[in-house]
Amino acid sequence: MGARRRWVTIGVLVLVGLIGLIFAEYWFNWDWTGFNEHIGPRVPQYQPTKTLWDWLQLLVIPSVHHLTPL
């Protein structure tokens, strides 16, 4: 049971770290994450802020593809 408990602890810590990174990005307006609105320096093209659907595309959809058998 010790190994399983260790993996659960690692998983929870990674999840809390990701959630903390997401909130910090919004609070501190970190541009390096790519989730803030942006106007390019060379090409003046507006890129709106990311939405919940964008997060789902990054996190949930690859997980579903990985867990779904061919």
N, C-alpha and C. Protein backbone atom coordinates (compact mmCIF):
# COMPACT_ATOMS: atom_id res chain seq x y z
N MET A 1 0.82 -1.21 0.00
CA MET A 1 0.00 0.00 0.00
C MET A 1 0.85 1.26 0.00
N GLY A 2 2.10 1.16 0.42
CA GLY A 2 2.96 2.33 0.49
C GLY A 2 3.23 2.94 -0.88
N ALA A 3 3.44 2.08 -1.90
CA ALA A 3 3.72 2.59 -3.24
C ALA A 3 2.50 3.29 -3.81
N ARG A 4 1.33 2.71 -3.58
CA ARG A 4 0.10 3.32 -4.12
C ARG A 4 -0.14 4.69 -3.46
N ARG A 5 0.08 4.75 -2.18
CA ARG A 5 -0.13 6.01 -1.46
C ARG A 5 0.84 7.09 -1.96
N ARG A 6 2.05 6.68 -2.27
CA ARG A 6 3.04 7.61 -2.79
C ARG A 6 2.59 8.17 -4.15
N TRP A 7 2.07 7.31 -5.05
CA TRP A 7 1.62 7.77 -6.37
C TRP A 7 0.41 8.68 -6.25
N VAL A 8 -0.48 8.38 -5.33
CA VAL A 8 -1.64 9.25 -5.11
C VAL A 8 -1.17 10.62 -4.61
N THR A 9 -0.21 10.63 -3.70
CA THR A 9 0.32 11.89 -3.18
C THR A 9 0.98 12.70 -4.29
N ILE A 10 1.76 12.05 -5.13
CA ILE A 10 2.41 12.73 -6.26
C ILE A 10 1.36 13.28 -7.22
N GLY A 11 0.34 12.50 -7.51
CA GLY A 11 -0.72 12.96 -8.40
C GLY A 11 -1.46 14.17 -7.86
N VAL A 12 -1.75 14.14 -6.58
CA VAL A 12 -2.45 15.28 -5.95
C VAL A 12 -1.56 16.51 -5.97
N LEU A 13 -0.28 16.36 -5.68
CA LEU A 13 0.63 17.50 -5.70
C LEU A 13 0.77 18.09 -7.10
N VAL A 14 0.84 17.25 -8.12
CA VAL A 14 0.92 17.74 -9.49
C VAL A 14 -0.36 18.49 -9.86
N LEU A 15 -1.50 17.94 -9.49
CA LEU A 15 -2.78 18.59 -9.78
C LEU A 15 -2.89 19.94 -9.08
N VAL A 16 -2.51 19.99 -7.81
CA VAL A 16 -2.55 21.26 -7.07
C VAL A 16 -1.57 22.26 -7.68
N GLY A 17 -0.41 21.79 -8.11
CA GLY A 17 0.55 22.67 -8.76
C GLY A 17 0.04 23.25 -10.06
N LEU A 18 -0.62 22.42 -10.87
CA LEU A 18 -1.20 22.92 -12.13
C LEU A 18 -2.30 23.93 -11.88
N ILE A 19 -3.15 23.65 -10.92
CA ILE A 19 -4.23 24.59 -10.59
C ILE A 19 -3.64 25.90 -10.07
N GLY A 20 -2.62 25.81 -9.24
CA GLY A 20 -1.95 27.01 -8.74
C GLY A 20 -1.31 27.81 -9.86
N LEU A 21 -0.72 27.14 -10.82
CA LEU A 21 -0.12 27.82 -11.97
C LEU A 21 -1.18 28.54 -12.80
N ILE A 22 -2.32 27.90 -12.98
CA ILE A 22 -3.41 28.52 -13.74
C ILE A 22 -3.89 29.79 -13.04
N PHE A 23 -4.13 29.71 -11.74
CA PHE A 23 -4.60 30.89 -11.01
C PHE A 23 -3.52 31.98 -10.98
N ALA A 24 -2.27 31.61 -10.79
CA ALA A 24 -1.19 32.60 -10.77
C ALA A 24 -1.07 33.31 -12.11
N GLU A 25 -1.29 32.57 -13.19
CA GLU A 25 -1.22 33.17 -14.52
C GLU A 25 -2.25 34.27 -14.67
N TYR A 26 -3.44 34.05 -14.20
CA TYR A 26 -4.49 35.05 -14.30
C TYR A 26 -4.27 36.22 -13.34
N TRP A 27 -3.80 35.95 -12.13
CA TRP A 27 -3.60 37.00 -11.14
C TRP A 27 -2.45 37.93 -11.50
N PHE A 28 -1.34 37.34 -11.99
CA PHE A 28 -0.15 38.12 -12.27
C PHE A 28 0.00 38.50 -13.73
N ASN A 29 -0.95 38.09 -14.60
CA ASN A 29 -0.92 38.39 -16.03
C ASN A 29 0.41 37.99 -16.68
N TRP A 30 0.81 36.76 -16.45
CA TRP A 30 2.03 36.26 -17.05
C TRP A 30 1.80 36.04 -18.53
N ASP A 31 2.52 36.75 -19.37
CA ASP A 31 2.35 36.60 -20.82
C ASP A 31 3.02 35.36 -21.37
N TRP A 32 4.02 34.85 -20.69
CA TRP A 32 4.77 33.71 -21.21
C TRP A 32 3.93 32.43 -21.27
N THR A 33 2.79 32.40 -20.57
CA THR A 33 1.96 31.21 -20.61
C THR A 33 1.13 31.11 -21.88
N GLY A 34 0.91 32.24 -22.55
CA GLY A 34 0.15 32.23 -23.79
C GLY A 34 -1.35 32.28 -23.60
N PHE A 35 -1.82 32.48 -22.38
CA PHE A 35 -3.25 32.49 -22.13
C PHE A 35 -3.81 33.89 -21.92
N ASN A 36 -3.01 34.91 -22.11
CA ASN A 36 -3.51 36.29 -22.06
C ASN A 36 -3.77 36.78 -23.46
N GLU A 37 -4.56 37.84 -23.58
CA GLU A 37 -4.76 38.41 -24.91
C GLU A 37 -3.44 39.01 -25.38
N HIS A 38 -3.25 39.01 -26.69
CA HIS A 38 -1.95 39.39 -27.22
C HIS A 38 -2.11 40.00 -28.61
N ILE A 39 -1.33 41.01 -28.88
CA ILE A 39 -1.23 41.57 -30.23
C ILE A 39 0.22 41.39 -30.64
N GLY A 40 0.43 40.71 -31.75
CA GLY A 40 1.78 40.38 -32.18
C GLY A 40 2.63 41.60 -32.46
N PRO A 41 3.97 41.51 -32.24
CA PRO A 41 4.84 42.66 -32.46
C PRO A 41 5.07 42.97 -33.94
N ARG A 42 5.14 41.96 -34.77
CA ARG A 42 5.42 42.18 -36.19
C ARG A 42 4.15 42.18 -37.02
N VAL A 43 3.26 41.30 -36.71
CA VAL A 43 1.99 41.22 -37.43
C VAL A 43 0.90 41.63 -36.45
N PRO A 44 0.24 42.75 -36.70
CA PRO A 44 -0.78 43.22 -35.73
C PRO A 44 -2.05 42.37 -35.79
N GLN A 45 -1.96 41.17 -35.27
CA GLN A 45 -3.10 40.27 -35.25
C GLN A 45 -3.50 40.04 -33.80
N TYR A 46 -4.75 40.31 -33.50
CA TYR A 46 -5.25 40.19 -32.12
C TYR A 46 -5.51 38.73 -31.79
N GLN A 47 -5.01 38.29 -30.67
CA GLN A 47 -5.29 36.94 -30.18
C GLN A 47 -6.04 37.08 -28.86
N PRO A 48 -7.32 36.68 -28.82
CA PRO A 48 -8.10 36.85 -27.59
C PRO A 48 -7.61 35.93 -26.47
N THR A 49 -8.09 36.20 -25.26
CA THR A 49 -7.74 35.35 -24.13
C THR A 49 -8.32 33.96 -24.31
N LYS A 50 -7.72 33.02 -23.68
CA LYS A 50 -8.18 31.64 -23.79
C LYS A 50 -9.39 31.42 -22.88
N THR A 51 -10.17 30.42 -23.22
CA THR A 51 -11.41 30.12 -22.49
C THR A 51 -11.31 28.74 -21.86
N LEU A 52 -12.38 28.38 -21.18
CA LEU A 52 -12.44 27.05 -20.57
C LEU A 52 -12.31 25.95 -21.63
N TRP A 53 -12.88 26.19 -22.79
CA TRP A 53 -12.80 25.19 -23.86
C TRP A 53 -11.34 24.96 -24.28
N ASP A 54 -10.54 26.01 -24.29
CA ASP A 54 -9.13 25.86 -24.62
C ASP A 54 -8.42 24.99 -23.59
N TRP A 55 -8.75 25.17 -22.30
CA TRP A 55 -8.18 24.31 -21.26
C TRP A 55 -8.62 22.87 -21.45
N LEU A 56 -9.88 22.68 -21.83
CA LEU A 56 -10.37 21.32 -22.05
C LEU A 56 -9.63 20.65 -23.21
N GLN A 57 -9.34 21.41 -24.25
CA GLN A 57 -8.61 20.85 -25.37
C GLN A 57 -7.21 20.42 -24.94
N LEU A 58 -6.61 21.14 -24.01
CA LEU A 58 -5.26 20.80 -23.57
C LEU A 58 -5.23 19.65 -22.57
N LEU A 59 -6.24 19.53 -21.75
CA LEU A 59 -6.19 18.56 -20.66
C LEU A 59 -7.10 17.35 -20.86
N VAL A 60 -8.36 17.59 -21.16
CA VAL A 60 -9.34 16.50 -21.15
C VAL A 60 -9.31 15.69 -22.44
N ILE A 61 -9.30 16.35 -23.56
CA ILE A 61 -9.40 15.64 -24.84
C ILE A 61 -8.22 14.69 -25.05
N PRO A 62 -6.96 15.08 -24.79
CA PRO A 62 -5.89 14.09 -24.91
C PRO A 62 -6.04 12.92 -23.93
N SER A 63 -6.58 13.18 -22.75
CA SER A 63 -6.79 12.10 -21.79
C SER A 63 -7.82 11.10 -22.30
N VAL A 64 -8.90 11.62 -22.89
CA VAL A 64 -9.94 10.74 -23.44
C VAL A 64 -9.38 9.92 -24.59
N HIS A 65 -8.57 10.53 -25.44
CA HIS A 65 -7.97 9.79 -26.55
C HIS A 65 -7.01 8.72 -26.04
N HIS A 66 -6.34 9.01 -24.96
CA HIS A 66 -5.40 8.04 -24.41
C HIS A 66 -6.13 6.87 -23.76
N LEU A 67 -7.23 7.17 -23.10
CA LEU A 67 -7.94 6.11 -22.37
C LEU A 67 -8.91 5.32 -23.23
N THR A 68 -9.28 5.84 -24.40
CA THR A 68 -10.22 5.16 -25.27
C THR A 68 -9.45 4.14 -26.13
N PRO A 69 -9.84 2.89 -26.06
CA PRO A 69 -9.15 1.88 -26.89
C PRO A 69 -9.49 2.06 -28.37
N LEU A 70 -8.58 1.68 -29.20
CA LEU A 70 -8.77 1.82 -30.65
C LEU A 70 -9.79 0.85 -31.17
